[in-house]
Amino acid sequence: MTIKKLHYLSGLTITVFVGVHLFNHACSLFGADTHIAVMDTLRLFYRNILVETILLSAVLVQIISGLKLFRENRKIAISNFEKLHIWTGLYLAIFFVIHLGAVLGGRLLLHLDTNFYFGVAGLNTFPLSLFFIPYYALAILSFFGHMASIHSKKMTQSVLGLSPSGQSKGILIFGICFTVILFYGFTNHFDGVQIPSEYNVLIGK
């Protein structure tokens, strides 16, 4: 199996989980309690040794293969979507390393429930928000950008009058709108989230 095939298959596995994860995050529009309730339900399916091992293995394969492909392709990319594919892939690899390290550290070292509050503590605390806003926003945008660039390569037919390039641009526009919507929920409709005291360790209180 080629490295591109491994990268593609591991990417499909991660995409399924990320799609579910983003749906869970969208539930924050209805409040932290709804987000946590949906997460608790979803954890019944993915928080077990088998699924977590598959996901972590897929992420590891994705990072290693992605960095190798980045080194090979970054100087030969021609189209804007090819460049988008390469650079969003690099950001996602960096994000996976940081984000998974933080989540595993929170669970195993700090003994925190890595739920909604764990994710948005820094996002709702100034000046930490100066880092976390672009950190999360670029991750979400990179995910949709990566999907858009792959779509532009794989898709060959127009749909509803939209060319493959037009469809990919539509994915990007959706990703931008979806990111704004998520931040609306992450920040309690831009009014800020009250962080429980047990998560103060994350924000230096």
N, C-alpha and C. Protein backbone atom coordinates (compact mmCIF):
# COMPACT_ATOMS: atom_id res chain seq x y z
N MET A 1 0.85 -1.20 0.00
CA MET A 1 0.00 0.00 0.00
C MET A 1 0.89 1.25 0.00
N THR A 2 0.58 2.19 -0.89
CA THR A 2 1.38 3.40 -0.99
C THR A 2 1.09 4.34 0.17
N ILE A 3 2.01 5.29 0.39
CA ILE A 3 1.83 6.24 1.47
C ILE A 3 0.61 7.13 1.21
N LYS A 4 0.32 7.43 -0.06
CA LYS A 4 -0.86 8.22 -0.39
C LYS A 4 -2.14 7.47 -0.03
N LYS A 5 -2.15 6.16 -0.28
CA LYS A 5 -3.33 5.35 0.05
C LYS A 5 -3.52 5.29 1.56
N LEU A 6 -2.43 5.10 2.30
CA LEU A 6 -2.52 5.09 3.75
C LEU A 6 -3.04 6.43 4.28
N HIS A 7 -2.52 7.50 3.70
CA HIS A 7 -2.93 8.84 4.11
C HIS A 7 -4.42 9.05 3.83
N TYR A 8 -4.87 8.58 2.69
CA TYR A 8 -6.27 8.73 2.31
C TYR A 8 -7.19 7.94 3.23
N LEU A 9 -6.83 6.68 3.52
CA LEU A 9 -7.68 5.83 4.35
C LEU A 9 -7.72 6.33 5.80
N SER A 10 -6.57 6.73 6.32
CA SER A 10 -6.57 7.27 7.69
C SER A 10 -7.34 8.58 7.73
N GLY A 11 -7.26 9.36 6.65
CA GLY A 11 -8.02 10.61 6.58
C GLY A 11 -9.52 10.38 6.59
N LEU A 12 -9.97 9.34 5.90
CA LEU A 12 -11.40 9.03 5.90
C LEU A 12 -11.87 8.67 7.31
N THR A 13 -11.07 7.89 8.01
CA THR A 13 -11.42 7.50 9.39
C THR A 13 -11.53 8.74 10.28
N ILE A 14 -10.56 9.63 10.16
CA ILE A 14 -10.56 10.84 10.99
C ILE A 14 -11.71 11.76 10.60
N THR A 15 -12.02 11.83 9.31
CA THR A 15 -13.09 12.71 8.84
C THR A 15 -14.44 12.32 9.45
N VAL A 16 -14.69 11.02 9.56
CA VAL A 16 -15.95 10.56 10.17
C VAL A 16 -16.03 11.07 11.61
N PHE A 17 -14.94 10.90 12.35
CA PHE A 17 -14.95 11.34 13.75
C PHE A 17 -15.06 12.86 13.85
N VAL A 18 -14.31 13.58 13.02
CA VAL A 18 -14.35 15.04 13.06
C VAL A 18 -15.75 15.55 12.72
N GLY A 19 -16.42 14.90 11.75
CA GLY A 19 -17.79 15.28 11.42
C GLY A 19 -18.72 15.15 12.61
N VAL A 20 -18.59 14.03 13.33
CA VAL A 20 -19.40 13.81 14.53
C VAL A 20 -19.04 14.83 15.61
N HIS A 21 -17.74 15.09 15.74
CA HIS A 21 -17.23 16.03 16.74
C HIS A 21 -17.75 17.45 16.48
N LEU A 22 -17.75 17.85 15.21
CA LEU A 22 -18.23 19.18 14.86
C LEU A 22 -19.74 19.30 15.08
N PHE A 23 -20.46 18.21 14.80
CA PHE A 23 -21.90 18.20 15.09
C PHE A 23 -22.12 18.42 16.59
N ASN A 24 -21.32 17.73 17.40
CA ASN A 24 -21.40 17.88 18.85
C ASN A 24 -21.13 19.35 19.24
N HIS A 25 -20.11 19.94 18.64
CA HIS A 25 -19.80 21.34 18.94
C HIS A 25 -20.93 22.28 18.53
N ALA A 26 -21.60 21.95 17.44
CA ALA A 26 -22.72 22.80 16.99
C ALA A 26 -23.84 22.80 18.02
N CYS A 27 -23.93 21.75 18.81
CA CYS A 27 -24.95 21.68 19.85
C CYS A 27 -24.74 22.72 20.94
N SER A 28 -23.55 23.34 20.98
CA SER A 28 -23.28 24.39 21.96
C SER A 28 -24.17 25.61 21.71
N LEU A 29 -24.75 25.72 20.53
CA LEU A 29 -25.70 26.81 20.25
C LEU A 29 -26.88 26.77 21.21
N PHE A 30 -27.17 25.57 21.73
CA PHE A 30 -28.30 25.40 22.64
C PHE A 30 -27.86 25.36 24.10
N GLY A 31 -26.58 25.70 24.33
CA GLY A 31 -26.08 25.78 25.69
C GLY A 31 -25.09 24.69 26.02
N ALA A 32 -24.30 24.94 27.06
CA ALA A 32 -23.27 23.99 27.48
C ALA A 32 -23.87 22.66 27.91
N ASP A 33 -25.00 22.70 28.59
CA ASP A 33 -25.62 21.47 29.07
C ASP A 33 -26.02 20.55 27.92
N THR A 34 -26.54 21.14 26.85
CA THR A 34 -26.91 20.34 25.67
C THR A 34 -25.67 19.75 25.02
N HIS A 35 -24.63 20.57 24.89
CA HIS A 35 -23.37 20.09 24.31
C HIS A 35 -22.85 18.89 25.10
N ILE A 36 -22.82 19.00 26.43
CA ILE A 36 -22.29 17.94 27.28
C ILE A 36 -23.18 16.70 27.23
N ALA A 37 -24.50 16.89 27.18
CA ALA A 37 -25.42 15.75 27.11
C ALA A 37 -25.21 14.97 25.81
N VAL A 38 -25.07 15.67 24.70
CA VAL A 38 -24.82 15.00 23.41
C VAL A 38 -23.47 14.31 23.43
N MET A 39 -22.47 14.98 24.01
CA MET A 39 -21.13 14.38 24.10
C MET A 39 -21.16 13.10 24.93
N ASP A 40 -21.87 13.11 26.03
CA ASP A 40 -21.97 11.91 26.87
C ASP A 40 -22.58 10.74 26.10
N THR A 41 -23.56 11.04 25.26
CA THR A 41 -24.18 9.99 24.43
C THR A 41 -23.20 9.47 23.39
N LEU A 42 -22.51 10.40 22.71
CA LEU A 42 -21.57 9.99 21.68
C LEU A 42 -20.38 9.23 22.25
N ARG A 43 -20.00 9.56 23.47
CA ARG A 43 -18.87 8.86 24.09
C ARG A 43 -19.15 7.38 24.30
N LEU A 44 -20.40 7.00 24.37
CA LEU A 44 -20.73 5.59 24.50
C LEU A 44 -20.23 4.80 23.30
N PHE A 45 -20.09 5.49 22.17
CA PHE A 45 -19.66 4.83 20.93
C PHE A 45 -18.15 4.96 20.68
N TYR A 46 -17.57 6.12 21.03
CA TYR A 46 -16.17 6.30 20.66
C TYR A 46 -15.19 6.29 21.83
N ARG A 47 -15.65 6.44 23.06
CA ARG A 47 -14.70 6.41 24.17
C ARG A 47 -14.61 5.01 24.74
N ASN A 48 -13.95 4.15 24.00
CA ASN A 48 -13.63 2.80 24.47
C ASN A 48 -12.29 2.43 23.84
N ILE A 49 -11.66 1.41 24.39
CA ILE A 49 -10.29 1.09 24.00
C ILE A 49 -10.16 0.77 22.52
N LEU A 50 -11.15 0.11 21.92
CA LEU A 50 -11.07 -0.27 20.52
C LEU A 50 -11.14 0.95 19.61
N VAL A 51 -12.18 1.76 19.75
CA VAL A 51 -12.37 2.91 18.87
C VAL A 51 -11.27 3.95 19.09
N GLU A 52 -10.90 4.18 20.34
CA GLU A 52 -9.85 5.17 20.61
C GLU A 52 -8.51 4.72 20.03
N THR A 53 -8.23 3.43 20.07
CA THR A 53 -6.99 2.92 19.47
C THR A 53 -6.99 3.12 17.97
N ILE A 54 -8.14 2.85 17.33
CA ILE A 54 -8.25 3.05 15.88
C ILE A 54 -8.06 4.52 15.54
N LEU A 55 -8.70 5.40 16.30
CA LEU A 55 -8.61 6.84 16.02
C LEU A 55 -7.19 7.37 16.23
N LEU A 56 -6.57 6.98 17.34
CA LEU A 56 -5.22 7.46 17.62
C LEU A 56 -4.22 6.91 16.59
N SER A 57 -4.43 5.67 16.16
CA SER A 57 -3.57 5.09 15.13
C SER A 57 -3.75 5.83 13.81
N ALA A 58 -5.00 6.16 13.47
CA ALA A 58 -5.28 6.89 12.24
C ALA A 58 -4.64 8.27 12.27
N VAL A 59 -4.71 8.94 13.42
CA VAL A 59 -4.10 10.27 13.55
C VAL A 59 -2.59 10.17 13.40
N LEU A 60 -1.98 9.17 14.03
CA LEU A 60 -0.53 8.98 13.93
C LEU A 60 -0.12 8.75 12.48
N VAL A 61 -0.84 7.86 11.79
CA VAL A 61 -0.55 7.60 10.38
C VAL A 61 -0.74 8.87 9.55
N GLN A 62 -1.81 9.62 9.85
CA GLN A 62 -2.10 10.84 9.12
C GLN A 62 -0.99 11.87 9.28
N ILE A 63 -0.49 12.03 10.49
CA ILE A 63 0.56 13.01 10.74
C ILE A 63 1.86 12.61 10.04
N ILE A 64 2.28 11.37 10.23
CA ILE A 64 3.55 10.93 9.64
C ILE A 64 3.50 10.95 8.13
N SER A 65 2.44 10.39 7.56
CA SER A 65 2.32 10.36 6.09
C SER A 65 2.11 11.77 5.54
N GLY A 66 1.35 12.60 6.28
CA GLY A 66 1.09 13.96 5.82
C GLY A 66 2.35 14.80 5.76
N LEU A 67 3.21 14.67 6.78
CA LEU A 67 4.45 15.43 6.79
C LEU A 67 5.38 14.98 5.66
N LYS A 68 5.38 13.69 5.38
CA LYS A 68 6.20 13.17 4.28
C LYS A 68 5.69 13.71 2.94
N LEU A 69 4.37 13.68 2.75
CA LEU A 69 3.78 14.19 1.52
C LEU A 69 3.97 15.70 1.40
N PHE A 70 3.95 16.40 2.54
CA PHE A 70 4.18 17.84 2.52
C PHE A 70 5.58 18.14 1.99
N ARG A 71 6.57 17.42 2.47
CA ARG A 71 7.95 17.65 2.01
C ARG A 71 8.09 17.35 0.52
N GLU A 72 7.37 16.34 0.05
CA GLU A 72 7.48 15.95 -1.36
C GLU A 72 6.76 16.91 -2.30
N ASN A 73 5.63 17.48 -1.84
CA ASN A 73 4.74 18.20 -2.75
C ASN A 73 4.75 19.72 -2.61
N ARG A 74 5.32 20.25 -1.53
CA ARG A 74 5.18 21.69 -1.30
C ARG A 74 5.83 22.55 -2.38
N LYS A 75 6.82 22.01 -3.08
CA LYS A 75 7.51 22.80 -4.10
C LYS A 75 6.95 22.58 -5.50
N ILE A 76 6.02 21.63 -5.64
CA ILE A 76 5.50 21.35 -6.98
C ILE A 76 4.02 21.68 -7.12
N ALA A 77 3.40 22.17 -6.04
CA ALA A 77 1.98 22.55 -6.11
C ALA A 77 1.81 23.69 -7.10
N ILE A 78 0.77 23.59 -7.94
CA ILE A 78 0.57 24.59 -8.98
C ILE A 78 -0.69 25.40 -8.72
N SER A 79 -1.83 24.73 -8.63
CA SER A 79 -3.09 25.45 -8.48
C SER A 79 -3.27 25.92 -7.04
N ASN A 80 -4.20 26.86 -6.87
CA ASN A 80 -4.49 27.36 -5.53
C ASN A 80 -5.03 26.27 -4.62
N PHE A 81 -5.85 25.36 -5.19
CA PHE A 81 -6.40 24.28 -4.37
C PHE A 81 -5.31 23.28 -3.98
N GLU A 82 -4.32 23.07 -4.85
CA GLU A 82 -3.20 22.19 -4.49
C GLU A 82 -2.40 22.80 -3.34
N LYS A 83 -2.18 24.10 -3.42
CA LYS A 83 -1.47 24.78 -2.33
C LYS A 83 -2.29 24.74 -1.04
N LEU A 84 -3.60 24.92 -1.18
CA LEU A 84 -4.48 24.86 -0.01
C LEU A 84 -4.42 23.48 0.63
N HIS A 85 -4.40 22.45 -0.19
CA HIS A 85 -4.33 21.07 0.29
C HIS A 85 -3.08 20.86 1.14
N ILE A 86 -1.96 21.34 0.66
CA ILE A 86 -0.68 21.12 1.32
C ILE A 86 -0.60 21.88 2.64
N TRP A 87 -0.94 23.17 2.63
CA TRP A 87 -0.75 23.99 3.81
C TRP A 87 -1.81 23.75 4.89
N THR A 88 -3.04 23.43 4.47
CA THR A 88 -4.03 23.08 5.50
C THR A 88 -3.68 21.74 6.13
N GLY A 89 -3.11 20.83 5.33
CA GLY A 89 -2.67 19.56 5.88
C GLY A 89 -1.58 19.73 6.92
N LEU A 90 -0.65 20.66 6.66
CA LEU A 90 0.42 20.93 7.62
C LEU A 90 -0.16 21.48 8.92
N TYR A 91 -1.10 22.42 8.81
CA TYR A 91 -1.68 22.99 10.03
C TYR A 91 -2.44 21.94 10.82
N LEU A 92 -3.19 21.09 10.13
CA LEU A 92 -3.94 20.05 10.82
C LEU A 92 -3.01 19.08 11.55
N ALA A 93 -1.86 18.77 10.94
CA ALA A 93 -0.90 17.88 11.61
C ALA A 93 -0.40 18.51 12.90
N ILE A 94 -0.08 19.81 12.85
CA ILE A 94 0.38 20.52 14.04
C ILE A 94 -0.73 20.57 15.09
N PHE A 95 -1.96 20.85 14.63
CA PHE A 95 -3.10 20.94 15.54
C PHE A 95 -3.36 19.61 16.22
N PHE A 96 -3.29 18.51 15.47
CA PHE A 96 -3.54 17.19 16.06
C PHE A 96 -2.56 16.90 17.19
N VAL A 97 -1.29 17.23 16.97
CA VAL A 97 -0.27 16.97 17.99
C VAL A 97 -0.57 17.77 19.26
N ILE A 98 -0.86 19.07 19.10
CA ILE A 98 -1.12 19.93 20.26
C ILE A 98 -2.43 19.55 20.94
N HIS A 99 -3.48 19.37 20.15
CA HIS A 99 -4.81 19.15 20.70
C HIS A 99 -4.91 17.80 21.41
N LEU A 100 -4.39 16.76 20.77
CA LEU A 100 -4.44 15.44 21.41
C LEU A 100 -3.58 15.41 22.66
N GLY A 101 -2.42 16.08 22.62
CA GLY A 101 -1.57 16.16 23.80
C GLY A 101 -2.29 16.85 24.95
N ALA A 102 -3.01 17.93 24.63
CA ALA A 102 -3.75 18.67 25.66
C ALA A 102 -4.88 17.84 26.23
N VAL A 103 -5.64 17.16 25.37
CA VAL A 103 -6.78 16.35 25.83
C VAL A 103 -6.30 15.18 26.68
N LEU A 104 -5.28 14.48 26.22
CA LEU A 104 -4.77 13.34 26.99
C LEU A 104 -4.15 13.80 28.31
N GLY A 105 -3.47 14.96 28.26
CA GLY A 105 -2.91 15.51 29.50
C GLY A 105 -4.00 15.90 30.48
N GLY A 106 -5.08 16.49 29.96
CA GLY A 106 -6.20 16.87 30.81
C GLY A 106 -6.85 15.67 31.46
N ARG A 107 -7.00 14.59 30.70
CA ARG A 107 -7.64 13.38 31.23
C ARG A 107 -6.74 12.62 32.20
N LEU A 108 -5.48 12.41 31.81
CA LEU A 108 -4.61 11.51 32.56
C LEU A 108 -3.81 12.19 33.66
N LEU A 109 -3.47 13.47 33.46
CA LEU A 109 -2.64 14.17 34.44
C LEU A 109 -3.44 15.09 35.35
N LEU A 110 -4.37 15.85 34.75
CA LEU A 110 -5.16 16.78 35.54
C LEU A 110 -6.45 16.16 36.05
N HIS A 111 -6.81 14.98 35.50
CA HIS A 111 -8.02 14.25 35.91
C HIS A 111 -9.28 15.12 35.74
N LEU A 112 -9.33 15.80 34.60
CA LEU A 112 -10.48 16.63 34.27
C LEU A 112 -11.35 15.93 33.24
N ASP A 113 -12.63 16.22 33.27
CA ASP A 113 -13.52 15.79 32.20
C ASP A 113 -13.28 16.74 31.03
N THR A 114 -12.74 16.21 29.93
CA THR A 114 -12.39 17.06 28.78
C THR A 114 -13.64 17.34 27.95
N ASN A 115 -14.58 18.02 28.57
CA ASN A 115 -15.85 18.31 27.93
C ASN A 115 -15.87 19.73 27.36
N PHE A 116 -17.03 20.30 27.20
CA PHE A 116 -17.21 21.64 26.65
C PHE A 116 -16.35 22.67 27.37
N TYR A 117 -16.35 22.65 28.69
CA TYR A 117 -15.62 23.66 29.46
C TYR A 117 -14.11 23.53 29.29
N PHE A 118 -13.63 22.30 29.15
CA PHE A 118 -12.20 22.09 28.91
C PHE A 118 -11.79 22.75 27.59
N GLY A 119 -12.65 22.61 26.58
CA GLY A 119 -12.32 23.15 25.27
C GLY A 119 -12.39 24.66 25.17
N VAL A 120 -13.33 25.27 25.91
CA VAL A 120 -13.56 26.71 25.70
C VAL A 120 -13.03 27.58 26.83
N ALA A 121 -12.35 26.99 27.81
CA ALA A 121 -11.85 27.78 28.94
C ALA A 121 -10.93 28.90 28.46
N GLY A 122 -9.93 28.54 27.68
CA GLY A 122 -9.01 29.55 27.18
C GLY A 122 -9.64 30.49 26.16
N LEU A 123 -10.60 29.96 25.42
CA LEU A 123 -11.28 30.74 24.40
C LEU A 123 -12.07 31.90 25.00
N ASN A 124 -12.52 31.73 26.23
CA ASN A 124 -13.35 32.74 26.88
C ASN A 124 -12.60 33.52 27.97
N THR A 125 -11.26 33.43 27.95
CA THR A 125 -10.45 34.11 28.96
C THR A 125 -9.39 34.96 28.28
N PHE A 126 -9.46 36.28 28.50
CA PHE A 126 -8.46 37.18 27.93
C PHE A 126 -7.25 37.23 28.86
N PRO A 127 -5.99 37.21 28.37
CA PRO A 127 -5.57 37.30 26.97
C PRO A 127 -5.37 35.95 26.28
N LEU A 128 -5.70 34.83 26.98
CA LEU A 128 -5.54 33.51 26.36
C LEU A 128 -6.34 33.38 25.07
N SER A 129 -7.44 34.12 25.00
CA SER A 129 -8.29 34.07 23.81
C SER A 129 -7.55 34.55 22.56
N LEU A 130 -6.53 35.38 22.74
CA LEU A 130 -5.75 35.86 21.59
C LEU A 130 -5.03 34.72 20.89
N PHE A 131 -4.74 33.67 21.64
CA PHE A 131 -4.16 32.47 21.04
C PHE A 131 -5.24 31.49 20.60
N PHE A 132 -6.22 31.24 21.48
CA PHE A 132 -7.17 30.16 21.23
C PHE A 132 -8.17 30.47 20.12
N ILE A 133 -8.52 31.74 19.92
CA ILE A 133 -9.45 32.05 18.83
C ILE A 133 -8.86 31.68 17.48
N PRO A 134 -7.65 32.18 17.12
CA PRO A 134 -7.09 31.75 15.82
C PRO A 134 -6.71 30.27 15.80
N TYR A 135 -6.31 29.73 16.94
CA TYR A 135 -5.92 28.32 17.02
C TYR A 135 -7.07 27.40 16.62
N TYR A 136 -8.25 27.62 17.21
CA TYR A 136 -9.42 26.80 16.88
C TYR A 136 -10.00 27.16 15.52
N ALA A 137 -10.06 28.46 15.22
CA ALA A 137 -10.65 28.88 13.95
C ALA A 137 -9.87 28.32 12.77
N LEU A 138 -8.55 28.41 12.85
CA LEU A 138 -7.72 27.89 11.75
C LEU A 138 -7.84 26.37 11.62
N ALA A 139 -8.06 25.68 12.74
CA ALA A 139 -8.22 24.23 12.69
C ALA A 139 -9.50 23.86 11.93
N ILE A 140 -10.58 24.53 12.27
CA ILE A 140 -11.86 24.24 11.60
C ILE A 140 -11.79 24.63 10.12
N LEU A 141 -11.24 25.81 9.86
CA LEU A 141 -11.12 26.27 8.48
C LEU A 141 -10.18 25.37 7.68
N SER A 142 -9.13 24.88 8.32
CA SER A 142 -8.20 23.98 7.63
C SER A 142 -8.86 22.66 7.29
N PHE A 143 -9.73 22.18 8.19
CA PHE A 143 -10.46 20.94 7.91
C PHE A 143 -11.31 21.10 6.66
N PHE A 144 -12.10 22.17 6.60
CA PHE A 144 -12.95 22.39 5.43
C PHE A 144 -12.12 22.72 4.20
N GLY A 145 -11.02 23.44 4.39
CA GLY A 145 -10.14 23.74 3.26
C GLY A 145 -9.53 22.48 2.70
N HIS A 146 -9.13 21.56 3.56
CA HIS A 146 -8.56 20.29 3.12
C HIS A 146 -9.60 19.48 2.36
N MET A 147 -10.83 19.45 2.89
CA MET A 147 -11.91 18.74 2.21
C MET A 147 -12.21 19.37 0.84
N ALA A 148 -12.19 20.69 0.80
CA ALA A 148 -12.48 21.40 -0.46
C ALA A 148 -11.42 21.08 -1.51
N SER A 149 -10.17 21.07 -1.09
CA SER A 149 -9.09 20.81 -2.05
C SER A 149 -9.13 19.37 -2.56
N ILE A 150 -9.46 18.42 -1.67
CA ILE A 150 -9.60 17.03 -2.10
C ILE A 150 -10.78 16.89 -3.06
N HIS A 151 -11.88 17.57 -2.74
CA HIS A 151 -13.06 17.53 -3.60
C HIS A 151 -12.73 18.04 -5.00
N SER A 152 -11.92 19.09 -5.07
CA SER A 152 -11.57 19.66 -6.38
C SER A 152 -10.76 18.68 -7.23
N LYS A 153 -10.03 17.77 -6.56
CA LYS A 153 -9.24 16.77 -7.28
C LYS A 153 -10.08 15.57 -7.70
N LYS A 154 -10.97 15.14 -6.77
CA LYS A 154 -11.72 13.91 -6.98
C LYS A 154 -12.95 14.10 -7.86
N MET A 155 -13.59 15.26 -7.75
CA MET A 155 -14.84 15.50 -8.45
C MET A 155 -14.56 15.91 -9.90
N THR A 156 -15.28 15.32 -10.83
CA THR A 156 -15.06 15.63 -12.25
C THR A 156 -16.30 16.17 -12.95
N GLN A 157 -17.47 16.13 -12.27
CA GLN A 157 -18.71 16.53 -12.92
C GLN A 157 -19.34 17.72 -12.21
N SER A 158 -20.05 18.51 -13.00
CA SER A 158 -20.79 19.64 -12.42
C SER A 158 -22.02 19.12 -11.70
N VAL A 159 -22.43 19.82 -10.65
CA VAL A 159 -23.63 19.47 -9.89
C VAL A 159 -24.45 20.74 -9.73
N LEU A 160 -25.71 20.69 -10.18
CA LEU A 160 -26.60 21.84 -10.09
C LEU A 160 -25.97 23.08 -10.74
N GLY A 161 -25.26 22.85 -11.81
CA GLY A 161 -24.65 23.96 -12.54
C GLY A 161 -23.34 24.44 -11.98
N LEU A 162 -22.88 23.82 -10.90
CA LEU A 162 -21.60 24.22 -10.28
C LEU A 162 -20.49 23.30 -10.74
N SER A 163 -19.41 23.87 -11.21
CA SER A 163 -18.24 23.10 -11.59
C SER A 163 -17.57 22.53 -10.35
N PRO A 164 -16.68 21.54 -10.50
CA PRO A 164 -15.95 21.03 -9.33
C PRO A 164 -15.26 22.13 -8.54
N SER A 165 -14.69 23.11 -9.26
CA SER A 165 -14.05 24.23 -8.58
C SER A 165 -15.08 25.06 -7.80
N GLY A 166 -16.25 25.27 -8.41
CA GLY A 166 -17.31 26.02 -7.75
C GLY A 166 -17.84 25.29 -6.53
N GLN A 167 -17.94 23.96 -6.64
CA GLN A 167 -18.38 23.16 -5.50
C GLN A 167 -17.38 23.26 -4.34
N SER A 168 -16.10 23.23 -4.68
CA SER A 168 -15.06 23.34 -3.66
C SER A 168 -15.10 24.70 -2.98
N LYS A 169 -15.34 25.73 -3.76
CA LYS A 169 -15.48 27.06 -3.17
C LYS A 169 -16.69 27.12 -2.24
N GLY A 170 -17.74 26.40 -2.63
CA GLY A 170 -18.93 26.33 -1.78
C GLY A 170 -18.62 25.66 -0.44
N ILE A 171 -17.78 24.62 -0.47
CA ILE A 171 -17.36 23.96 0.78
C ILE A 171 -16.60 24.93 1.66
N LEU A 172 -15.74 25.74 1.04
CA LEU A 172 -14.98 26.73 1.80
C LEU A 172 -15.91 27.77 2.43
N ILE A 173 -16.86 28.25 1.66
CA ILE A 173 -17.80 29.25 2.19
C ILE A 173 -18.61 28.67 3.34
N PHE A 174 -19.06 27.43 3.16
CA PHE A 174 -19.79 26.76 4.24
C PHE A 174 -18.91 26.66 5.49
N GLY A 175 -17.63 26.30 5.29
CA GLY A 175 -16.71 26.17 6.41
C GLY A 175 -16.53 27.47 7.17
N ILE A 176 -16.45 28.58 6.44
CA ILE A 176 -16.31 29.89 7.08
C ILE A 176 -17.55 30.22 7.89
N CYS A 177 -18.72 30.01 7.30
CA CYS A 177 -19.99 30.30 8.00
C CYS A 177 -20.14 29.39 9.21
N PHE A 178 -19.79 28.12 9.06
CA PHE A 178 -19.91 27.16 10.15
C PHE A 178 -18.98 27.54 11.30
N THR A 179 -17.79 28.02 10.99
CA THR A 179 -16.84 28.43 12.02
C THR A 179 -17.41 29.58 12.84
N VAL A 180 -18.00 30.57 12.18
CA VAL A 180 -18.61 31.69 12.90
C VAL A 180 -19.73 31.20 13.81
N ILE A 181 -20.55 30.27 13.30
CA ILE A 181 -21.66 29.72 14.08
C ILE A 181 -21.14 28.99 15.32
N LEU A 182 -20.07 28.20 15.15
CA LEU A 182 -19.50 27.48 16.28
C LEU A 182 -18.98 28.43 17.35
N PHE A 183 -18.31 29.49 16.93
CA PHE A 183 -17.79 30.45 17.90
C PHE A 183 -18.93 31.18 18.62
N TYR A 184 -20.04 31.31 17.95
CA TYR A 184 -21.23 31.89 18.59
C TYR A 184 -21.67 31.01 19.75
N GLY A 185 -21.62 29.69 19.55
CA GLY A 185 -21.96 28.75 20.60
C GLY A 185 -20.86 28.61 21.64
N PHE A 186 -19.60 28.60 21.20
CA PHE A 186 -18.47 28.46 22.11
C PHE A 186 -18.37 29.60 23.12
N THR A 187 -18.90 30.76 22.75
CA THR A 187 -18.78 31.94 23.61
C THR A 187 -20.12 32.35 24.20
N ASN A 188 -21.08 31.41 24.23
CA ASN A 188 -22.42 31.69 24.77
C ASN A 188 -23.03 32.92 24.09
N HIS A 189 -23.10 32.82 22.76
CA HIS A 189 -23.70 33.88 21.94
C HIS A 189 -22.91 35.19 22.07
N PHE A 190 -21.57 35.04 22.18
CA PHE A 190 -20.61 36.15 22.28
C PHE A 190 -20.69 36.89 23.60
N ASP A 191 -21.43 36.36 24.58
CA ASP A 191 -21.53 37.00 25.90
C ASP A 191 -20.51 36.43 26.89
N GLY A 192 -19.81 35.37 26.49
CA GLY A 192 -18.84 34.74 27.37
C GLY A 192 -19.43 33.57 28.14
N VAL A 193 -18.57 32.63 28.51
CA VAL A 193 -18.99 31.42 29.23
C VAL A 193 -18.43 31.46 30.64
N GLN A 194 -19.25 31.13 31.62
CA GLN A 194 -18.79 31.02 33.00
C GLN A 194 -18.08 29.67 33.17
N ILE A 195 -16.79 29.72 33.45
CA ILE A 195 -15.99 28.50 33.55
C ILE A 195 -16.04 27.95 34.98
N PRO A 196 -16.45 26.68 35.17
CA PRO A 196 -16.47 26.07 36.51
C PRO A 196 -15.09 26.12 37.16
N SER A 197 -15.05 26.20 38.48
CA SER A 197 -13.80 26.41 39.21
C SER A 197 -12.77 25.31 38.97
N GLU A 198 -13.22 24.06 38.74
CA GLU A 198 -12.26 22.98 38.55
C GLU A 198 -11.42 23.14 37.28
N TYR A 199 -11.87 24.01 36.37
CA TYR A 199 -11.12 24.24 35.13
C TYR A 199 -10.24 25.49 35.21
N ASN A 200 -10.19 26.12 36.38
CA ASN A 200 -9.36 27.32 36.55
C ASN A 200 -7.88 27.02 36.36
N VAL A 201 -7.50 25.76 36.59
CA VAL A 201 -6.10 25.38 36.40
C VAL A 201 -5.67 25.60 34.95
N LEU A 202 -6.61 25.58 34.04
CA LEU A 202 -6.30 25.75 32.62
C LEU A 202 -6.05 27.20 32.23
N ILE A 203 -6.56 28.11 33.05
CA ILE A 203 -6.48 29.54 32.71
C ILE A 203 -5.70 30.34 33.74
N GLY A 204 -4.95 29.62 34.58
CA GLY A 204 -4.06 30.29 35.50
C GLY A 204 -4.69 30.96 36.68
N LYS A 205 -5.87 30.49 37.10
CA LYS A 205 -6.54 31.07 38.27
C LYS A 205 -6.41 30.17 39.48
